[in-house]
Amino acid sequence: FSSGADVILLQETNPAWKDLLDADAMALTYPYSHFRHPGVNDRAAGGIAILSRYPLENERIWDFTKHVDGSVFPTLSCQVNVPISLERSGFSPSDASGDSSHSFVTINIANVHLRPPVELDGSAWFETARKTEPIRINEVKELILRATSLKAETIMPTTARPPFHIIAGDFNEGDNAGGLSYLASLGYIDALKQYVPRYKETHTWPFMRNLFTLRKRLDHIIWHKSQLLSTVEDECHVKMQCIGCGVLTGYEVDASDHQPVLARFALIRV
């Protein structure tokens, strides 16, 4: 909450998380949310959620476990309607108070939690990341394929552009690994790689009975460089540009093994 982010993507959530957030006064800052809790037969870390200052639409859960061998967690996608004020000089943020000068830009987001670099029994060795990489590649391919097909049928008459403006979350792989490389081939840019030095990790994990600590960059925010967004109530088009990204510090102890990643985007009238 303290980051000031307009949209927050969470992984490994559960009902207790939701209760805590609902009870927290800060949750009032994010009136729109969608949680998917793990089912009885799901892995405990399979929860996923989105919190937003702005209205959400078309929330959808993508379960790849039946289509991708070795996939264990779902993906959550949605559309976020970001209110803007139309001005001669461009755009300015809006509170969507209902004034007729307000319009909306719809941003398609996917919150991913790809296959961890561990065996299904939780064990991990040096080669496990390499062995599980094809699963992560197939997960992102399946996401793009199925979402593009859905878009072609219901939203967009052309499939020339990828279906998501932003894909973010726990990719469970480092810069230039298989899944991220595939998305880069579609025109996506990794904001973490773009702005954050390679020595800065997003994840730490004790290995070999705490003999040493693994430090990896597993969490990424990627965006598509050529997407144009049409406003709901205006004929103009908008280009989205990432203008910064960083790893938030202060959560390394007694919080999570993953550190929050924050990216900033500008909407530019074209």
Protein backbone atom coordinates (compact mmCIF):
# COMPACT_ATOMS: atom_id res chain seq x y z
CA PHE A 1 0.00 0.00 0.00
CA SER A 2 2.76 2.43 0.92
CA SER A 3 4.21 2.29 -2.61
CA GLY A 4 1.31 4.31 -3.97
CA ALA A 5 0.72 1.80 -6.76
CA ASP A 6 -2.58 2.10 -8.62
CA VAL A 7 -2.74 -1.64 -9.30
CA ILE A 8 -1.26 -4.39 -7.09
CA LEU A 9 -0.78 -7.98 -8.23
CA LEU A 10 -0.38 -10.66 -5.57
CA GLN A 11 0.54 -14.34 -5.68
CA GLU A 12 0.24 -17.12 -3.08
CA THR A 13 -2.77 -15.49 -1.42
CA ASN A 14 -5.42 -17.28 0.65
CA PRO A 15 -8.67 -16.43 2.49
CA ALA A 16 -6.72 -15.20 5.52
CA TRP A 17 -4.92 -12.69 3.29
CA LYS A 18 -8.23 -11.37 1.98
CA ASP A 19 -9.68 -11.08 5.50
CA LEU A 20 -6.60 -9.18 6.64
CA LEU A 21 -6.71 -6.80 3.70
CA ASP A 22 -10.44 -6.24 4.05
CA ALA A 23 -9.98 -5.42 7.73
CA ASP A 24 -7.11 -3.02 7.03
CA ALA A 25 -8.20 0.59 6.66
CA MET A 26 -5.66 0.95 3.85
CA ALA A 27 -7.74 -1.48 1.81
CA LEU A 28 -10.23 1.35 1.34
CA THR A 29 -7.67 2.84 -1.04
CA TYR A 30 -8.27 -0.12 -3.35
CA PRO A 31 -12.04 -0.51 -3.69
CA TYR A 32 -11.77 -2.96 -6.57
CA SER A 33 -10.30 -6.42 -6.12
CA HIS A 34 -10.51 -10.00 -7.28
CA PHE A 35 -9.22 -13.00 -5.33
CA ARG A 36 -8.93 -16.59 -6.46
CA HIS A 37 -8.39 -18.90 -3.51
CA PRO A 38 -6.86 -22.38 -3.77
CA GLY A 39 -9.40 -25.18 -3.90
CA VAL A 40 -9.34 -28.37 -1.87
CA ASN A 41 -7.31 -30.18 -4.50
CA ASP A 42 -5.07 -27.21 -5.36
CA ARG A 43 -1.61 -26.46 -4.04
CA ALA A 44 -1.63 -24.09 -1.07
CA ALA A 45 0.46 -21.52 -2.95
CA GLY A 46 -2.05 -21.36 -5.79
CA GLY A 47 -3.93 -18.27 -4.63
CA ILE A 48 -3.77 -15.16 -6.79
CA ALA A 49 -5.29 -11.67 -6.57
CA ILE A 50 -5.44 -8.14 -7.92
CA LEU A 51 -6.17 -4.91 -6.04
CA SER A 52 -6.98 -1.73 -7.94
CA ARG A 53 -7.91 1.90 -7.45
CA TYR A 54 -9.80 1.69 -10.72
CA PRO A 55 -12.70 -0.48 -11.94
CA LEU A 56 -11.99 -4.03 -13.05
CA GLU A 57 -13.77 -5.92 -15.81
CA ASN A 58 -13.67 -9.37 -17.40
CA GLU A 59 -11.74 -11.05 -14.60
CA ARG A 60 -10.71 -14.49 -15.79
CA ILE A 61 -8.79 -17.43 -14.35
CA TRP A 62 -6.58 -19.39 -16.72
CA ASP A 63 -5.89 -22.90 -15.43
CA PHE A 64 -3.15 -24.56 -17.49
CA THR A 65 -2.79 -27.72 -15.41
CA LYS A 66 -4.86 -29.74 -17.89
CA HIS A 67 -3.11 -28.34 -20.96
CA VAL A 68 0.52 -27.93 -19.91
CA ASP A 69 2.24 -30.92 -18.34
CA GLY A 70 3.88 -29.83 -15.09
CA SER A 71 1.92 -26.57 -14.67
CA VAL A 72 0.72 -26.09 -11.09
CA PHE A 73 -0.64 -22.54 -10.64
CA PRO A 74 -3.33 -20.47 -12.41
CA THR A 75 -3.05 -17.06 -14.06
CA LEU A 76 -5.48 -14.19 -13.41
CA SER A 77 -6.26 -11.69 -16.14
CA CYS A 78 -8.54 -8.67 -16.21
CA GLN A 79 -9.17 -5.29 -17.77
CA VAL A 80 -8.47 -2.15 -15.72
CA ASN A 81 -10.40 0.96 -16.71
CA VAL A 82 -8.09 3.89 -15.93
CA PRO A 83 -9.93 7.24 -15.86
CA ILE A 84 -8.26 10.18 -17.59
CA SER A 85 -9.11 13.82 -18.22
CA LEU A 86 -8.95 14.97 -21.81
CA GLU A 87 -6.98 18.17 -22.22
CA ARG A 88 -5.49 19.92 -25.22
CA SER A 89 -1.97 19.25 -24.01
CA GLY A 90 -2.60 15.54 -23.50
CA PHE A 91 -3.83 13.53 -20.53
CA SER A 92 -3.94 14.12 -16.81
CA PRO A 93 -4.99 11.69 -14.05
CA SER A 94 -8.65 11.75 -13.11
CA ASP A 95 -10.68 10.74 -10.10
CA ALA A 96 -13.53 9.57 -12.36
CA SER A 97 -15.98 11.79 -10.50
CA GLY A 98 -18.48 11.58 -13.32
CA ASP A 99 -17.65 14.84 -15.11
CA SER A 100 -18.41 14.64 -18.83
CA SER A 101 -14.79 15.52 -19.67
CA HIS A 102 -13.62 12.21 -18.26
CA SER A 103 -12.84 9.19 -20.36
CA PHE A 104 -11.26 5.81 -19.75
CA VAL A 105 -8.36 3.84 -21.09
CA THR A 106 -8.68 0.07 -20.80
CA ILE A 107 -5.47 -1.79 -19.95
CA ASN A 108 -5.36 -5.58 -20.24
CA ILE A 109 -3.28 -7.17 -17.48
CA ALA A 110 -2.25 -10.74 -16.73
CA ASN A 111 -1.02 -11.74 -13.26
CA VAL A 112 1.12 -14.87 -13.61
CA HIS A 113 2.63 -17.42 -11.26
CA LEU A 114 4.62 -19.77 -13.45
CA ARG A 115 5.99 -23.19 -12.53
CA PRO A 116 8.55 -22.87 -9.71
CA PRO A 117 12.08 -24.20 -10.36
CA VAL A 118 11.47 -27.12 -8.00
CA GLU A 119 10.29 -30.70 -8.30
CA LEU A 120 6.64 -31.49 -7.64
CA ASP A 121 7.61 -32.86 -4.23
CA GLY A 122 9.24 -29.52 -3.31
CA SER A 123 12.84 -30.65 -3.67
CA ALA A 124 15.28 -28.64 -5.76
CA TRP A 125 18.75 -29.11 -7.16
CA PHE A 126 21.05 -27.09 -9.35
CA GLU A 127 19.58 -28.51 -12.56
CA THR A 128 15.92 -28.14 -11.54
CA ALA A 129 15.58 -24.65 -13.00
CA ARG A 130 16.82 -25.92 -16.35
CA LYS A 131 14.54 -28.98 -16.25
CA THR A 132 11.42 -26.91 -15.48
CA GLU A 133 12.15 -24.12 -17.99
CA PRO A 134 10.20 -25.79 -20.84
CA ILE A 135 7.12 -25.84 -18.59
CA ARG A 136 7.28 -22.08 -18.08
CA ILE A 137 7.74 -21.55 -21.81
CA ASN A 138 4.67 -23.65 -22.53
CA GLU A 139 2.65 -21.82 -19.87
CA VAL A 140 3.23 -18.39 -21.42
CA LYS A 141 2.67 -19.78 -24.91
CA GLU A 142 -0.63 -21.29 -23.79
CA LEU A 143 -1.66 -18.01 -22.14
CA ILE A 144 -0.96 -15.97 -25.26
CA LEU A 145 -2.56 -18.54 -27.56
CA ARG A 146 -5.77 -18.90 -25.59
CA ALA A 147 -6.12 -15.20 -24.77
CA THR A 148 -5.49 -14.22 -28.40
CA SER A 149 -8.15 -16.67 -29.56
CA LEU A 150 -10.62 -15.26 -27.04
CA LYS A 151 -9.84 -11.70 -28.13
CA ALA A 152 -10.29 -12.58 -31.77
CA GLU A 153 -13.73 -13.98 -31.04
CA THR A 154 -15.10 -11.42 -28.60
CA ILE A 155 -13.08 -8.20 -28.44
CA MET A 156 -10.64 -7.48 -31.24
CA PRO A 157 -11.12 -8.38 -34.92
CA THR A 158 -7.37 -8.78 -35.44
CA THR A 159 -4.85 -10.95 -33.64
CA ALA A 160 -1.83 -9.04 -34.92
CA ARG A 161 -1.10 -7.65 -31.47
CA PRO A 162 -0.62 -9.64 -28.24
CA PRO A 163 -3.71 -9.64 -26.01
CA PHE A 164 -2.13 -8.10 -22.89
CA HIS A 165 -0.58 -4.69 -22.37
CA ILE A 166 1.12 -5.80 -19.15
CA ILE A 167 2.07 -9.28 -17.92
CA ALA A 168 3.51 -9.32 -14.42
CA GLY A 169 4.04 -11.50 -11.38
CA ASP A 170 6.20 -14.41 -10.29
CA PHE A 171 7.76 -15.77 -13.48
CA ASN A 172 10.05 -18.03 -11.43
CA GLU A 173 12.88 -17.41 -13.90
CA GLY A 174 15.61 -14.87 -14.41
CA ASP A 175 16.32 -12.33 -17.14
CA ASN A 176 16.48 -13.81 -20.64
CA ALA A 177 15.18 -17.23 -19.56
CA GLY A 178 12.86 -19.23 -21.81
CA GLY A 179 9.42 -17.81 -20.99
CA LEU A 180 10.63 -14.21 -20.93
CA SER A 181 12.59 -14.71 -24.15
CA TYR A 182 9.47 -15.99 -25.89
CA LEU A 183 7.51 -12.94 -24.77
CA ALA A 184 10.37 -10.68 -25.89
CA SER A 185 10.04 -12.23 -29.35
CA LEU A 186 6.45 -10.92 -29.39
CA GLY A 187 7.60 -7.38 -28.66
CA TYR A 188 7.36 -7.35 -24.87
CA ILE A 189 9.92 -5.45 -22.79
CA ASP A 190 11.01 -6.50 -19.29
CA ALA A 191 10.85 -3.37 -17.11
CA LEU A 192 13.06 -4.99 -14.47
CA LYS A 193 15.77 -5.68 -17.03
CA GLN A 194 15.23 -2.23 -18.54
CA TYR A 195 15.75 -0.23 -15.34
CA VAL A 196 17.14 -2.38 -12.52
CA PRO A 197 20.84 -3.44 -12.43
CA ARG A 198 21.38 -7.18 -12.77
CA TYR A 199 22.96 -7.47 -9.33
CA LYS A 200 19.66 -6.52 -7.64
CA GLU A 201 17.66 -9.64 -6.86
CA THR A 202 13.90 -9.95 -6.27
CA HIS A 203 14.07 -13.28 -4.45
CA THR A 204 16.21 -14.92 -1.79
CA TRP A 205 16.08 -18.53 -0.68
CA PRO A 206 18.19 -20.56 1.80
CA PHE A 207 19.73 -23.53 0.03
CA MET A 208 21.29 -26.80 1.20
CA ARG A 209 20.17 -26.43 4.82
CA ASN A 210 21.09 -22.73 4.96
CA LEU A 211 24.61 -23.42 3.76
CA PHE A 212 24.21 -20.45 1.43
CA THR A 213 21.49 -18.16 0.10
CA LEU A 214 20.28 -18.16 -3.50
CA ARG A 215 19.62 -14.69 -4.92
CA LYS A 216 17.56 -14.54 -8.10
CA ARG A 217 15.48 -12.18 -10.25
CA LEU A 218 12.24 -14.15 -10.51
CA ASP A 219 9.64 -11.37 -10.45
CA HIS A 220 9.08 -9.25 -13.54
CA ILE A 221 6.77 -6.64 -15.04
CA ILE A 222 6.73 -6.79 -18.81
CA TRP A 223 4.89 -4.47 -21.16
CA HIS A 224 4.24 -4.29 -24.86
CA LYS A 225 5.96 -1.48 -26.70
CA SER A 226 3.66 -1.13 -29.69
CA GLN A 227 0.21 -1.34 -28.17
CA LEU A 228 -2.19 1.52 -28.82
CA LEU A 229 -5.12 1.91 -26.45
CA SER A 230 -8.40 3.48 -27.56
CA THR A 231 -10.30 5.53 -25.01
CA VAL A 232 -13.87 4.51 -24.28
CA GLU A 233 -15.52 7.90 -24.86
CA ASP A 234 -13.10 9.52 -27.27
CA GLU A 235 -11.69 8.71 -30.69
CA CYS A 236 -8.07 9.40 -29.73
CA HIS A 237 -5.43 6.74 -29.20
CA VAL A 238 -3.01 6.31 -26.34
CA LYS A 239 0.51 4.92 -26.23
CA MET A 240 1.68 3.33 -22.99
CA GLN A 241 5.31 3.87 -22.00
CA CYS A 242 7.20 2.46 -19.02
CA ILE A 243 9.11 5.31 -17.36
CA GLY A 244 10.69 3.50 -14.43
CA CYS A 245 10.99 0.31 -12.41
CA GLY A 246 12.52 -0.63 -9.08
CA VAL A 247 12.65 -3.31 -6.39
CA LEU A 248 11.18 -2.16 -3.08
CA THR A 249 13.43 -2.83 -0.11
CA GLY A 250 12.57 -3.43 3.54
CA TYR A 251 10.78 -6.74 3.09
CA GLU A 252 13.78 -9.05 3.14
CA VAL A 253 13.28 -10.37 6.70
CA ASP A 254 10.11 -11.89 8.21
CA ALA A 255 7.94 -10.82 5.29
CA SER A 256 8.42 -12.78 2.07
CA ASP A 257 11.13 -14.51 0.08
CA HIS A 258 10.05 -12.30 -2.85
CA GLN A 259 10.55 -8.54 -2.95
CA PRO A 260 7.89 -6.23 -4.45
CA VAL A 261 8.64 -4.86 -7.91
CA LEU A 262 7.14 -1.47 -8.82
CA ALA A 263 6.90 -0.11 -12.37
CA ARG A 264 5.59 3.28 -13.48
CA PHE A 265 3.80 3.88 -16.77
CA ALA A 266 2.82 7.01 -18.67
CA LEU A 267 -0.14 7.25 -21.02
CA ILE A 268 0.75 9.41 -24.00
CA ARG A 269 -1.75 10.74 -26.51
CA VAL A 270 -0.82 9.99 -30.14
